[in-house]
Amino acid sequence: MTPEEIEALFTRESGEFLFARWGRPIVPIVFGVEDETLTTVKGAFEAVVTLVGHNMAETDPELGANCMVFFFRDWQELLDVPDLDRLVPDLGPLVERLVAADANQYRIFRFEDDGAIRAAFVFLRMDEELSEVPADTLALSQVVQTVLLWSDAAFRTTSPLAVAGEATILRPEIADLIRAAYDPVLPGAAQDPSHALRLFARLDPPQ
Protein backbone atom coordinates (compact mmCIF):
# COMPACT_ATOMS: atom_id res chain seq x y z
CA MET A 1 0.00 0.00 0.00
CA THR A 2 1.43 3.37 -1.04
CA PRO A 3 1.24 6.65 0.92
CA GLU A 4 -1.14 7.95 -1.76
CA GLU A 5 -3.47 4.99 -1.32
CA ILE A 6 -3.45 5.47 2.44
CA GLU A 7 -4.16 9.17 2.08
CA ALA A 8 -7.12 8.41 -0.20
CA LEU A 9 -8.69 6.14 2.44
CA PHE A 10 -8.97 9.11 4.81
CA THR A 11 -9.73 11.87 2.30
CA ARG A 12 -13.41 12.69 2.16
CA GLU A 13 -15.28 13.49 -1.03
CA SER A 14 -15.11 17.15 0.02
CA GLY A 15 -11.30 16.94 -0.27
CA GLU A 16 -10.72 17.12 3.51
CA PHE A 17 -8.22 14.71 5.07
CA LEU A 18 -9.58 13.46 8.38
CA PHE A 19 -8.13 10.61 10.42
CA ALA A 20 -9.36 9.44 13.84
CA ARG A 21 -9.10 6.32 15.97
CA TRP A 22 -10.76 5.40 19.24
CA GLY A 23 -9.38 7.23 22.26
CA ARG A 24 -11.06 5.04 24.89
CA PRO A 25 -11.93 1.36 25.30
CA ILE A 26 -14.75 0.28 23.01
CA VAL A 27 -17.95 -0.84 24.72
CA PRO A 28 -20.32 -2.23 22.07
CA ILE A 29 -23.99 -2.93 22.51
CA VAL A 30 -26.17 -4.53 19.82
CA PHE A 31 -29.91 -4.09 19.29
CA GLY A 32 -32.38 -6.03 17.19
CA VAL A 33 -30.66 -9.41 16.86
CA GLU A 34 -30.86 -12.87 18.41
CA ASP A 35 -28.23 -14.11 20.84
CA GLU A 36 -26.34 -16.02 18.15
CA THR A 37 -25.85 -12.90 16.02
CA LEU A 38 -25.04 -10.84 19.11
CA THR A 39 -22.20 -13.24 19.89
CA THR A 40 -20.98 -12.97 16.29
CA VAL A 41 -20.92 -9.16 16.36
CA LYS A 42 -19.15 -8.96 19.71
CA GLY A 43 -16.69 -11.60 18.51
CA ALA A 44 -15.86 -9.42 15.51
CA PHE A 45 -15.19 -6.46 17.82
CA GLU A 46 -12.93 -8.59 20.00
CA ALA A 47 -11.00 -9.89 16.98
CA VAL A 48 -10.33 -6.45 15.50
CA VAL A 49 -9.56 -4.80 18.84
CA THR A 50 -7.09 -7.58 19.65
CA LEU A 51 -5.52 -7.17 16.22
CA VAL A 52 -4.76 -3.48 16.79
CA GLY A 53 -3.76 -3.76 20.43
CA HIS A 54 -6.64 -1.57 21.61
CA ASN A 55 -9.04 -2.38 24.48
CA MET A 56 -12.67 -3.24 25.10
CA ALA A 57 -14.48 -2.77 28.40
CA GLU A 58 -17.71 -3.84 30.10
CA THR A 59 -18.90 -0.26 30.51
CA ASP A 60 -17.95 3.30 29.66
CA PRO A 61 -17.92 5.54 32.77
CA GLU A 62 -19.64 8.40 30.90
CA LEU A 63 -21.78 6.71 28.29
CA GLY A 64 -22.39 3.17 29.52
CA ALA A 65 -22.01 1.82 25.99
CA ASN A 66 -20.13 3.91 23.44
CA CYS A 67 -20.63 1.86 20.27
CA MET A 68 -24.27 1.12 19.50
CA VAL A 69 -25.18 -1.19 16.62
CA PHE A 70 -28.81 -1.27 15.49
CA PHE A 71 -30.31 -3.94 13.20
CA PHE A 72 -33.81 -3.25 11.85
CA ARG A 73 -36.08 -3.60 8.81
CA ASP A 74 -37.28 -0.03 8.29
CA TRP A 75 -35.61 3.32 8.96
CA GLN A 76 -38.79 4.57 10.62
CA GLU A 77 -38.18 2.11 13.46
CA LEU A 78 -35.37 4.36 14.70
CA LEU A 79 -37.91 7.06 15.55
CA ASP A 80 -39.49 4.67 18.08
CA VAL A 81 -36.24 3.93 19.96
CA PRO A 82 -36.50 5.64 23.38
CA ASP A 83 -34.14 8.61 23.80
CA LEU A 84 -32.29 7.93 20.54
CA ASP A 85 -33.15 11.44 19.40
CA ARG A 86 -31.17 12.73 22.38
CA LEU A 87 -28.10 10.76 21.29
CA VAL A 88 -28.49 11.49 17.58
CA PRO A 89 -29.42 15.14 16.96
CA ASP A 90 -31.83 15.80 14.08
CA LEU A 91 -32.81 12.14 13.97
CA GLY A 92 -36.07 12.84 12.14
CA PRO A 93 -34.50 14.70 9.18
CA LEU A 94 -31.70 12.10 9.07
CA VAL A 95 -34.22 9.26 8.76
CA GLU A 96 -35.99 11.15 5.98
CA ARG A 97 -32.72 11.52 4.04
CA LEU A 98 -31.83 7.85 4.49
CA VAL A 99 -35.28 6.72 3.36
CA ALA A 100 -35.04 8.98 0.30
CA ALA A 101 -31.62 7.57 -0.55
CA ASP A 102 -32.82 3.97 -0.05
CA ALA A 103 -29.75 3.49 2.16
CA ASN A 104 -29.19 0.23 4.00
CA GLN A 105 -26.44 1.40 6.39
CA TYR A 106 -25.20 4.54 8.08
CA ARG A 107 -22.58 5.37 10.72
CA ILE A 108 -22.34 8.39 13.01
CA PHE A 109 -19.29 9.24 15.11
CA ARG A 110 -18.82 11.44 18.18
CA PHE A 111 -15.41 12.79 19.10
CA GLU A 112 -13.23 13.65 22.09
CA ASP A 113 -11.85 17.17 22.55
CA ASP A 114 -8.64 16.05 20.84
CA GLY A 115 -10.54 14.65 17.86
CA ALA A 116 -10.26 10.94 18.72
CA ILE A 117 -13.40 8.81 18.41
CA ARG A 118 -15.53 8.92 21.56
CA ALA A 119 -18.63 7.05 20.39
CA ALA A 120 -20.17 5.52 17.29
CA PHE A 121 -23.68 4.63 16.14
CA VAL A 122 -24.06 1.97 13.43
CA PHE A 123 -27.43 1.60 11.70
CA LEU A 124 -28.14 -1.42 9.48
CA ARG A 125 -31.40 -1.72 7.60
CA MET A 126 -31.65 -5.41 6.78
CA ASP A 127 -32.92 -5.15 3.23
CA GLU A 128 -32.61 -7.99 0.70
CA GLU A 129 -28.97 -7.12 -0.04
CA LEU A 130 -27.74 -7.11 3.56
CA SER A 131 -29.89 -10.10 4.50
CA GLU A 132 -27.97 -12.23 2.00
CA VAL A 133 -24.62 -11.39 3.64
CA PRO A 134 -23.46 -14.00 6.19
CA ALA A 135 -23.64 -12.68 9.74
CA ASP A 136 -19.90 -13.05 10.40
CA THR A 137 -19.02 -11.21 7.18
CA LEU A 138 -21.46 -8.38 7.90
CA ALA A 139 -20.24 -8.05 11.49
CA LEU A 140 -16.55 -7.97 10.54
CA SER A 141 -17.18 -5.44 7.78
CA GLN A 142 -19.05 -3.08 10.12
CA VAL A 143 -16.47 -3.34 12.90
CA VAL A 144 -13.65 -2.56 10.47
CA GLN A 145 -15.53 0.51 9.22
CA THR A 146 -16.12 1.66 12.81
CA VAL A 147 -12.67 1.14 14.32
CA LEU A 148 -11.29 4.11 12.35
CA LEU A 149 -12.84 7.20 10.77
CA TRP A 150 -12.40 6.25 7.13
CA SER A 151 -13.29 8.43 4.17
CA ASP A 152 -16.96 8.41 3.22
CA ALA A 153 -15.87 6.77 -0.06
CA ALA A 154 -13.15 4.44 1.30
CA PHE A 155 -14.84 1.10 0.66
CA ARG A 156 -17.47 2.10 -1.85
CA THR A 157 -15.98 0.04 -4.66
CA THR A 158 -13.57 -2.31 -2.85
CA SER A 159 -14.46 -4.27 0.29
CA PRO A 160 -12.06 -4.26 3.26
CA LEU A 161 -12.62 -8.03 3.40
CA ALA A 162 -11.39 -10.94 1.29
CA VAL A 163 -12.31 -14.61 0.94
CA ALA A 164 -9.65 -17.13 1.96
CA GLY A 165 -10.84 -20.66 1.32
CA GLU A 166 -14.20 -20.92 3.08
CA ALA A 167 -13.48 -18.05 5.47
CA THR A 168 -13.96 -14.31 5.11
CA ILE A 169 -11.00 -12.38 6.46
CA LEU A 170 -9.79 -8.82 6.75
CA ARG A 171 -7.62 -7.94 3.76
CA PRO A 172 -4.00 -8.15 4.99
CA GLU A 173 -3.09 -4.63 3.84
CA ILE A 174 -6.13 -3.18 5.63
CA ALA A 175 -5.33 -5.14 8.80
CA ASP A 176 -1.75 -3.84 8.63
CA LEU A 177 -2.97 -0.26 8.19
CA ILE A 178 -5.39 -0.46 11.13
CA ARG A 179 -2.63 -1.89 13.30
CA ALA A 180 -0.33 0.98 12.29
CA ALA A 181 -3.08 3.52 13.02
CA TYR A 182 -3.18 2.40 16.64
CA ASP A 183 0.55 2.88 17.23
CA PRO A 184 0.55 4.66 20.63
CA VAL A 185 3.17 7.10 19.38
CA LEU A 186 0.71 8.53 16.85
CA PRO A 187 -2.01 11.04 17.76
CA GLY A 188 -5.62 9.92 18.04
CA ALA A 189 -6.68 12.28 15.26
CA ALA A 190 -5.07 14.18 12.39
CA GLN A 191 -6.20 16.57 9.66
CA ASP A 192 -2.91 16.94 7.79
CA PRO A 193 -2.44 14.59 4.80
CA SER A 194 1.17 14.08 5.91
CA HIS A 195 -0.27 11.72 8.53
CA ALA A 196 -0.56 9.17 5.70
CA LEU A 197 3.25 9.13 5.52
CA ARG A 198 3.48 8.40 9.24
CA LEU A 199 1.07 5.49 8.81
CA PHE A 200 3.00 4.23 5.78
CA ALA A 201 6.23 4.24 7.79
CA ARG A 202 4.65 1.89 10.33
CA LEU A 203 3.39 -0.73 7.88
CA ASP A 204 5.02 -4.12 7.95
CA PRO A 205 7.59 -4.37 5.13
CA PRO A 206 6.65 -6.67 2.24
CA GLN A 207 7.81 -10.24 2.71
C-alpha atoms as a PDB file:
ATOM      1  CA  MET A   1       0.000   0.000   0.000  1.00  0.00           C
ATOM      2  CA  THR A   2       1.430   3.370  -1.043  1.00  0.00           C
ATOM      3  CA  PRO A   3       1.240   6.653   0.917  1.00  0.00           C
ATOM      4  CA  GLU A   4      -1.137   7.952  -1.763  1.00  0.00           C
ATOM      5  CA  GLU A   5      -3.469   4.989  -1.323  1.00  0.00           C
ATOM      6  CA  ILE A   6      -3.445   5.468   2.444  1.00  0.00           C
ATOM      7  CA  GLU A   7      -4.165   9.169   2.079  1.00  0.00           C
ATOM      8  CA  ALA A   8      -7.123   8.408  -0.197  1.00  0.00           C
ATOM      9  CA  LEU A   9      -8.690   6.137   2.438  1.00  0.00           C
ATOM     10  CA  PHE A  10      -8.973   9.109   4.815  1.00  0.00           C
ATOM     11  CA  THR A  11      -9.728  11.875   2.297  1.00  0.00           C
ATOM     12  CA  ARG A  12     -13.410  12.694   2.163  1.00  0.00           C
ATOM     13  CA  GLU A  13     -15.275  13.492  -1.026  1.00  0.00           C
ATOM     14  CA  SER A  14     -15.111  17.148   0.016  1.00  0.00           C
ATOM     15  CA  GLY A  15     -11.304  16.941  -0.266  1.00  0.00           C
ATOM     16  CA  GLU A  16     -10.723  17.116   3.508  1.00  0.00           C
ATOM     17  CA  PHE A  17      -8.221  14.712   5.075  1.00  0.00           C
ATOM     18  CA  LEU A  18      -9.577  13.459   8.384  1.00  0.00           C
ATOM     19  CA  PHE A  19      -8.134  10.606  10.424  1.00  0.00           C
ATOM     20  CA  ALA A  20      -9.360   9.441  13.837  1.00  0.00           C
ATOM     21  CA  ARG A  21      -9.103   6.319  15.966  1.00  0.00           C
ATOM     22  CA  TRP A  22     -10.763   5.400  19.240  1.00  0.00           C
ATOM     23  CA  GLY A  23      -9.375   7.232  22.257  1.00  0.00           C
ATOM     24  CA  ARG A  24     -11.059   5.045  24.887  1.00  0.00           C
ATOM     25  CA  PRO A  25     -11.925   1.356  25.296  1.00  0.00           C
ATOM     26  CA  ILE A  26     -14.750   0.284  23.006  1.00  0.00           C
ATOM     27  CA  VAL A  27     -17.948  -0.843  24.717  1.00  0.00           C
ATOM     28  CA  PRO A  28     -20.318  -2.231  22.074  1.00  0.00           C
ATOM     29  CA  ILE A  29     -23.995  -2.932  22.507  1.00  0.00           C
ATOM     30  CA  VAL A  30     -26.168  -4.530  19.817  1.00  0.00           C
ATOM     31  CA  PHE A  31     -29.912  -4.088  19.291  1.00  0.00           C
ATOM     32  CA  GLY A  32     -32.375  -6.032  17.185  1.00  0.00           C
ATOM     33  CA  VAL A  33     -30.663  -9.413  16.862  1.00  0.00           C
ATOM     34  CA  GLU A  34     -30.863 -12.868  18.405  1.00  0.00           C
ATOM     35  CA  ASP A  35     -28.234 -14.106  20.836  1.00  0.00           C
ATOM     36  CA  GLU A  36     -26.337 -16.016  18.150  1.00  0.00           C
ATOM     37  CA  THR A  37     -25.847 -12.900  16.018  1.00  0.00           C
ATOM     38  CA  LEU A  38     -25.042 -10.843  19.115  1.00  0.00           C
ATOM     39  CA  THR A  39     -22.196 -13.245  19.885  1.00  0.00           C
ATOM     40  CA  THR A  40     -20.979 -12.965  16.292  1.00  0.00           C
ATOM     41  CA  VAL A  41     -20.917  -9.157  16.363  1.00  0.00           C
ATOM     42  CA  LYS A  42     -19.153  -8.957  19.709  1.00  0.00           C
ATOM     43  CA  GLY A  43     -16.693 -11.602  18.513  1.00  0.00           C
ATOM     44  CA  ALA A  44     -15.857  -9.419  15.512  1.00  0.00           C
ATOM     45  CA  PHE A  45     -15.188  -6.461  17.825  1.00  0.00           C
ATOM     46  CA  GLU A  46     -12.929  -8.590  19.999  1.00  0.00           C
ATOM     47  CA  ALA A  47     -10.998  -9.887  16.983  1.00  0.00           C
ATOM     48  CA  VAL A  48     -10.333  -6.446  15.500  1.00  0.00           C
ATOM     49  CA  VAL A  49      -9.564  -4.798  18.837  1.00  0.00           C
ATOM     50  CA  THR A  50      -7.092  -7.583  19.649  1.00  0.00           C
ATOM     51  CA  LEU A  51      -5.516  -7.169  16.216  1.00  0.00           C
ATOM     52  CA  VAL A  52      -4.762  -3.483  16.786  1.00  0.00           C
ATOM     53  CA  GLY A  53      -3.762  -3.761  20.433  1.00  0.00           C
ATOM     54  CA  HIS A  54      -6.637  -1.569  21.611  1.00  0.00           C
ATOM     55  CA  ASN A  55      -9.044  -2.377  24.475  1.00  0.00           C
ATOM     56  CA  MET A  56     -12.667  -3.242  25.103  1.00  0.00           C
ATOM     57  CA  ALA A  57     -14.484  -2.766  28.400  1.00  0.00           C
ATOM     58  CA  GLU A  58     -17.705  -3.840  30.102  1.00  0.00           C
ATOM     59  CA  THR A  59     -18.896  -0.263  30.514  1.00  0.00           C
ATOM     60  CA  ASP A  60     -17.945   3.300  29.655  1.00  0.00           C
ATOM     61  CA  PRO A  61     -17.918   5.537  32.772  1.00  0.00           C
ATOM     62  CA  GLU A  62     -19.636   8.402  30.905  1.00  0.00           C
ATOM     63  CA  LEU A  63     -21.780   6.710  28.289  1.00  0.00           C
ATOM     64  CA  GLY A  64     -22.394   3.174  29.523  1.00  0.00           C
ATOM     65  CA  ALA A  65     -22.014   1.822  25.994  1.00  0.00           C
ATOM     66  CA  ASN A  66     -20.133   3.912  23.435  1.00  0.00           C
ATOM     67  CA  CYS A  67     -20.627   1.858  20.266  1.00  0.00           C
ATOM     68  CA  MET A  68     -24.269   1.119  19.503  1.00  0.00           C
ATOM     69  CA  VAL A  69     -25.178  -1.193  16.617  1.00  0.00           C
ATOM     70  CA  PHE A  70     -28.807  -1.274  15.486  1.00  0.00           C
ATOM     71  CA  PHE A  71     -30.309  -3.943  13.201  1.00  0.00           C
ATOM     72  CA  PHE A  72     -33.806  -3.245  11.845  1.00  0.00           C
ATOM     73  CA  ARG A  73     -36.076  -3.598   8.808  1.00  0.00           C
ATOM     74  CA  ASP A  74     -37.282  -0.031   8.294  1.00  0.00           C
ATOM     75  CA  TRP A  75     -35.609   3.324   8.961  1.00  0.00           C
ATOM     76  CA  GLN A  76     -38.793   4.569  10.620  1.00  0.00           C
ATOM     77  CA  GLU A  77     -38.181   2.113  13.462  1.00  0.00           C
ATOM     78  CA  LEU A  78     -35.370   4.364  14.702  1.00  0.00           C
ATOM     79  CA  LEU A  79     -37.908   7.061  15.551  1.00  0.00           C
ATOM     80  CA  ASP A  80     -39.486   4.673  18.084  1.00  0.00           C
ATOM     81  CA  VAL A  81     -36.236   3.927  19.963  1.00  0.00           C
ATOM     82  CA  PRO A  82     -36.495   5.638  23.379  1.00  0.00           C
ATOM     83  CA  ASP A  83     -34.136   8.612  23.804  1.00  0.00           C
ATOM     84  CA  LEU A  84     -32.287   7.935  20.543  1.00  0.00           C
ATOM     85  CA  ASP A  85     -33.152  11.444  19.400  1.00  0.00           C
ATOM     86  CA  ARG A  86     -31.170  12.730  22.381  1.00  0.00           C
ATOM     87  CA  LEU A  87     -28.095  10.761  21.293  1.00  0.00           C
ATOM     88  CA  VAL A  88     -28.490  11.487  17.584  1.00  0.00           C
ATOM     89  CA  PRO A  89     -29.415  15.136  16.958  1.00  0.00           C
ATOM     90  CA  ASP A  90     -31.830  15.805  14.080  1.00  0.00           C
ATOM     91  CA  LEU A  91     -32.806  12.139  13.966  1.00  0.00           C
ATOM     92  CA  GLY A  92     -36.069  12.840  12.138  1.00  0.00           C
ATOM     93  CA  PRO A  93     -34.497  14.696   9.181  1.00  0.00           C
ATOM     94  CA  LEU A  94     -31.703  12.100   9.067  1.00  0.00           C
ATOM     95  CA  VAL A  95     -34.221   9.259   8.765  1.00  0.00           C
ATOM     96  CA  GLU A  96     -35.993  11.152   5.978  1.00  0.00           C
ATOM     97  CA  ARG A  97     -32.715  11.518   4.041  1.00  0.00           C
ATOM     98  CA  LEU A  98     -31.830   7.845   4.488  1.00  0.00           C
ATOM     99  CA  VAL A  99     -35.284   6.719   3.355  1.00  0.00           C
ATOM    100  CA  ALA A 100     -35.045   8.982   0.296  1.00  0.00           C
ATOM    101  CA  ALA A 101     -31.616   7.565  -0.550  1.00  0.00           C
ATOM    102  CA  ASP A 102     -32.825   3.969  -0.051  1.00  0.00           C
ATOM    103  CA  ALA A 103     -29.754   3.486   2.163  1.00  0.00           C
ATOM    104  CA  ASN A 104     -29.185   0.228   3.999  1.00  0.00           C
ATOM    105  CA  GLN A 105     -26.442   1.402   6.388  1.00  0.00           C
ATOM    106  CA  TYR A 106     -25.200   4.539   8.083  1.00  0.00           C
ATOM    107  CA  ARG A 107     -22.578   5.372  10.717  1.00  0.00           C
ATOM    108  CA  ILE A 108     -22.339   8.386  13.009  1.00  0.00           C
ATOM    109  CA  PHE A 109     -19.288   9.239  15.114  1.00  0.00           C
ATOM    110  CA  ARG A 110     -18.821  11.442  18.179  1.00  0.00           C
ATOM    111  CA  PHE A 111     -15.414  12.794  19.102  1.00  0.00           C
ATOM    112  CA  GLU A 112     -13.235  13.647  22.089  1.00  0.00           C
ATOM    113  CA  ASP A 113     -11.849  17.168  22.554  1.00  0.00           C
ATOM    114  CA  ASP A 114      -8.636  16.047  20.844  1.00  0.00           C
ATOM    115  CA  GLY A 115     -10.537  14.650  17.856  1.00  0.00           C
ATOM    116  CA  ALA A 116     -10.255  10.943  18.718  1.00  0.00           C
ATOM    117  CA  ILE A 117     -13.395   8.806  18.413  1.00  0.00           C
ATOM    118  CA  ARG A 118     -15.535   8.924  21.556  1.00  0.00           C
ATOM    119  CA  ALA A 119     -18.631   7.049  20.394  1.00  0.00           C
ATOM    120  CA  ALA A 120     -20.172   5.516  17.293  1.00  0.00           C
ATOM    121  CA  PHE A 121     -23.681   4.625  16.141  1.00  0.00           C
ATOM    122  CA  VAL A 122     -24.061   1.975  13.433  1.00  0.00           C
ATOM    123  CA  PHE A 123     -27.435   1.602  11.700  1.00  0.00           C
ATOM    124  CA  LEU A 124     -28.137  -1.418   9.485  1.00  0.00           C
ATOM    125  CA  ARG A 125     -31.402  -1.719   7.601  1.00  0.00           C
ATOM    126  CA  MET A 126     -31.650  -5.408   6.780  1.00  0.00           C
ATOM    127  CA  ASP A 127     -32.919  -5.149   3.226  1.00  0.00           C
ATOM    128  CA  GLU A 128     -32.612  -7.987   0.701  1.00  0.00           C
ATOM    129  CA  GLU A 129     -28.973  -7.123  -0.042  1.00  0.00           C
ATOM    130  CA  LEU A 130     -27.738  -7.111   3.562  1.00  0.00           C
ATOM    131  CA  SER A 131     -29.893 -10.095   4.504  1.00  0.00           C
ATOM    132  CA  GLU A 132     -27.965 -12.227   1.997  1.00  0.00           C
ATOM    133  CA  VAL A 133     -24.615 -11.386   3.637  1.00  0.00           C
ATOM    134  CA  PRO A 134     -23.459 -14.005   6.186  1.00  0.00           C
ATOM    135  CA  ALA A 135     -23.635 -12.681   9.744  1.00  0.00           C
ATOM    136  CA  ASP A 136     -19.902 -13.049  10.404  1.00  0.00           C
ATOM    137  CA  THR A 137     -19.025 -11.211   7.176  1.00  0.00           C
ATOM    138  CA  LEU A 138     -21.458  -8.383   7.896  1.00  0.00           C
ATOM    139  CA  ALA A 139     -20.237  -8.046  11.488  1.00  0.00           C
ATOM    140  CA  LEU A 140     -16.553  -7.966  10.539  1.00  0.00           C
ATOM    141  CA  SER A 141     -17.180  -5.435   7.778  1.00  0.00           C
ATOM    142  CA  GLN A 142     -19.050  -3.084  10.117  1.00  0.00           C
ATOM    143  CA  VAL A 143     -16.471  -3.336  12.901  1.00  0.00           C
ATOM    144  CA  VAL A 144     -13.646  -2.559  10.467  1.00  0.00           C
ATOM    145  CA  GLN A 145     -15.526   0.506   9.224  1.00  0.00           C
ATOM    146  CA  THR A 146     -16.121   1.656  12.806  1.00  0.00           C
ATOM    147  CA  VAL A 147     -12.665   1.137  14.324  1.00  0.00           C
ATOM    148  CA  LEU A 148     -11.286   4.107  12.350  1.00  0.00           C
ATOM    149  CA  LEU A 149     -12.836   7.201  10.771  1.00  0.00           C
ATOM    150  CA  TRP A 150     -12.396   6.253   7.131  1.00  0.00           C
ATOM    151  CA  SER A 151     -13.288   8.428   4.169  1.00  0.00           C
ATOM    152  CA  ASP A 152     -16.959   8.405   3.218  1.00  0.00           C
ATOM    153  CA  ALA A 153     -15.872   6.765  -0.055  1.00  0.00           C
ATOM    154  CA  ALA A 154     -13.149   4.445   1.298  1.00  0.00           C
ATOM    155  CA  PHE A 155     -14.836   1.096   0.657  1.00  0.00           C
ATOM    156  CA  ARG A 156     -17.467   2.101  -1.849  1.00  0.00           C
ATOM    157  CA  THR A 157     -15.981   0.038  -4.658  1.00  0.00           C
ATOM    158  CA  THR A 158     -13.573  -2.312  -2.849  1.00  0.00           C
ATOM    159  CA  SER A 159     -14.457  -4.268   0.289  1.00  0.00           C
ATOM    160  CA  PRO A 160     -12.058  -4.262   3.257  1.00  0.00           C
ATOM    161  CA  LEU A 161     -12.616  -8.034   3.397  1.00  0.00           C
ATOM    162  CA  ALA A 162     -11.386 -10.936   1.286  1.00  0.00           C
ATOM    163  CA  VAL A 163     -12.308 -14.607   0.936  1.00  0.00           C
ATOM    164  CA  ALA A 164      -9.651 -17.128   1.962  1.00  0.00           C
ATOM    165  CA  GLY A 165     -10.844 -20.657   1.320  1.00  0.00           C
ATOM    166  CA  GLU A 166     -14.203 -20.923   3.084  1.00  0.00           C
ATOM    167  CA  ALA A 167     -13.482 -18.053   5.469  1.00  0.00           C
ATOM    168  CA  THR A 168     -13.963 -14.314   5.108  1.00  0.00           C
ATOM    169  CA  ILE A 169     -11.003 -12.376   6.462  1.00  0.00           C
ATOM    170  CA  LEU A 170      -9.794  -8.825   6.746  1.00  0.00           C
ATOM    171  CA  ARG A 171      -7.621  -7.944   3.756  1.00  0.00           C
ATOM    172  CA  PRO A 172      -3.999  -8.148   4.993  1.00  0.00           C
ATOM    173  CA  GLU A 173      -3.094  -4.627   3.844  1.00  0.00           C
ATOM    174  CA  ILE A 174      -6.130  -3.178   5.635  1.00  0.00           C
ATOM    175  CA  ALA A 175      -5.331  -5.144   8.802  1.00  0.00           C
ATOM    176  CA  ASP A 176      -1.752  -3.844   8.631  1.00  0.00           C
ATOM    177  CA  LEU A 177      -2.966  -0.264   8.194  1.00  0.00           C
ATOM    178  CA  ILE A 178      -5.391  -0.459  11.127  1.00  0.00           C
ATOM    179  CA  ARG A 179      -2.626  -1.887  13.303  1.00  0.00           C
ATOM    180  CA  ALA A 180      -0.330   0.979  12.286  1.00  0.00           C
ATOM    181  CA  ALA A 181      -3.080   3.521  13.016  1.00  0.00           C
ATOM    182  CA  TYR A 182      -3.184   2.396  16.644  1.00  0.00           C
ATOM    183  CA  ASP A 183       0.551   2.878  17.230  1.00  0.00           C
ATOM    184  CA  PRO A 184       0.549   4.662  20.631  1.00  0.00           C
ATOM    185  CA  VAL A 185       3.174   7.096  19.375  1.00  0.00           C
ATOM    186  CA  LEU A 186       0.712   8.527  16.851  1.00  0.00           C
ATOM    187  CA  PRO A 187      -2.007  11.045  17.756  1.00  0.00           C
ATOM    188  CA  GLY A 188      -5.621   9.917  18.043  1.00  0.00           C
ATOM    189  CA  ALA A 189      -6.676  12.277  15.260  1.00  0.00           C
ATOM    190  CA  ALA A 190      -5.069  14.177  12.391  1.00  0.00           C
ATOM    191  CA  GLN A 191      -6.199  16.567   9.656  1.00  0.00           C
ATOM    192  CA  ASP A 192      -2.906  16.940   7.789  1.00  0.00           C
ATOM    193  CA  PRO A 193      -2.444  14.593   4.805  1.00  0.00           C
ATOM    194  CA  SER A 194       1.169  14.084   5.905  1.00  0.00           C
ATOM    195  CA  HIS A 195      -0.267  11.716   8.527  1.00  0.00           C
ATOM    196  CA  ALA A 196      -0.558   9.168   5.704  1.00  0.00           C
ATOM    197  CA  LEU A 197       3.253   9.129   5.517  1.00  0.00           C
ATOM    198  CA  ARG A 198       3.478   8.398   9.240  1.00  0.00           C
ATOM    199  CA  LEU A 199       1.069   5.494   8.810  1.00  0.00           C
ATOM    200  CA  PHE A 200       3.001   4.231   5.784  1.00  0.00           C
ATOM    201  CA  ALA A 201       6.230   4.243   7.785  1.00  0.00           C
ATOM    202  CA  ARG A 202       4.648   1.885  10.331  1.00  0.00           C
ATOM    203  CA  LEU A 203       3.392  -0.729   7.876  1.00  0.00           C
ATOM    204  CA  ASP A 204       5.021  -4.123   7.951  1.00  0.00           C
ATOM    205  CA  PRO A 205       7.587  -4.366   5.135  1.00  0.00           C
ATOM    206  CA  PRO A 206       6.646  -6.670   2.238  1.00  0.00           C
ATOM    207  CA  GLN A 207       7.814 -10.236   2.711  1.00  0.00           C
END
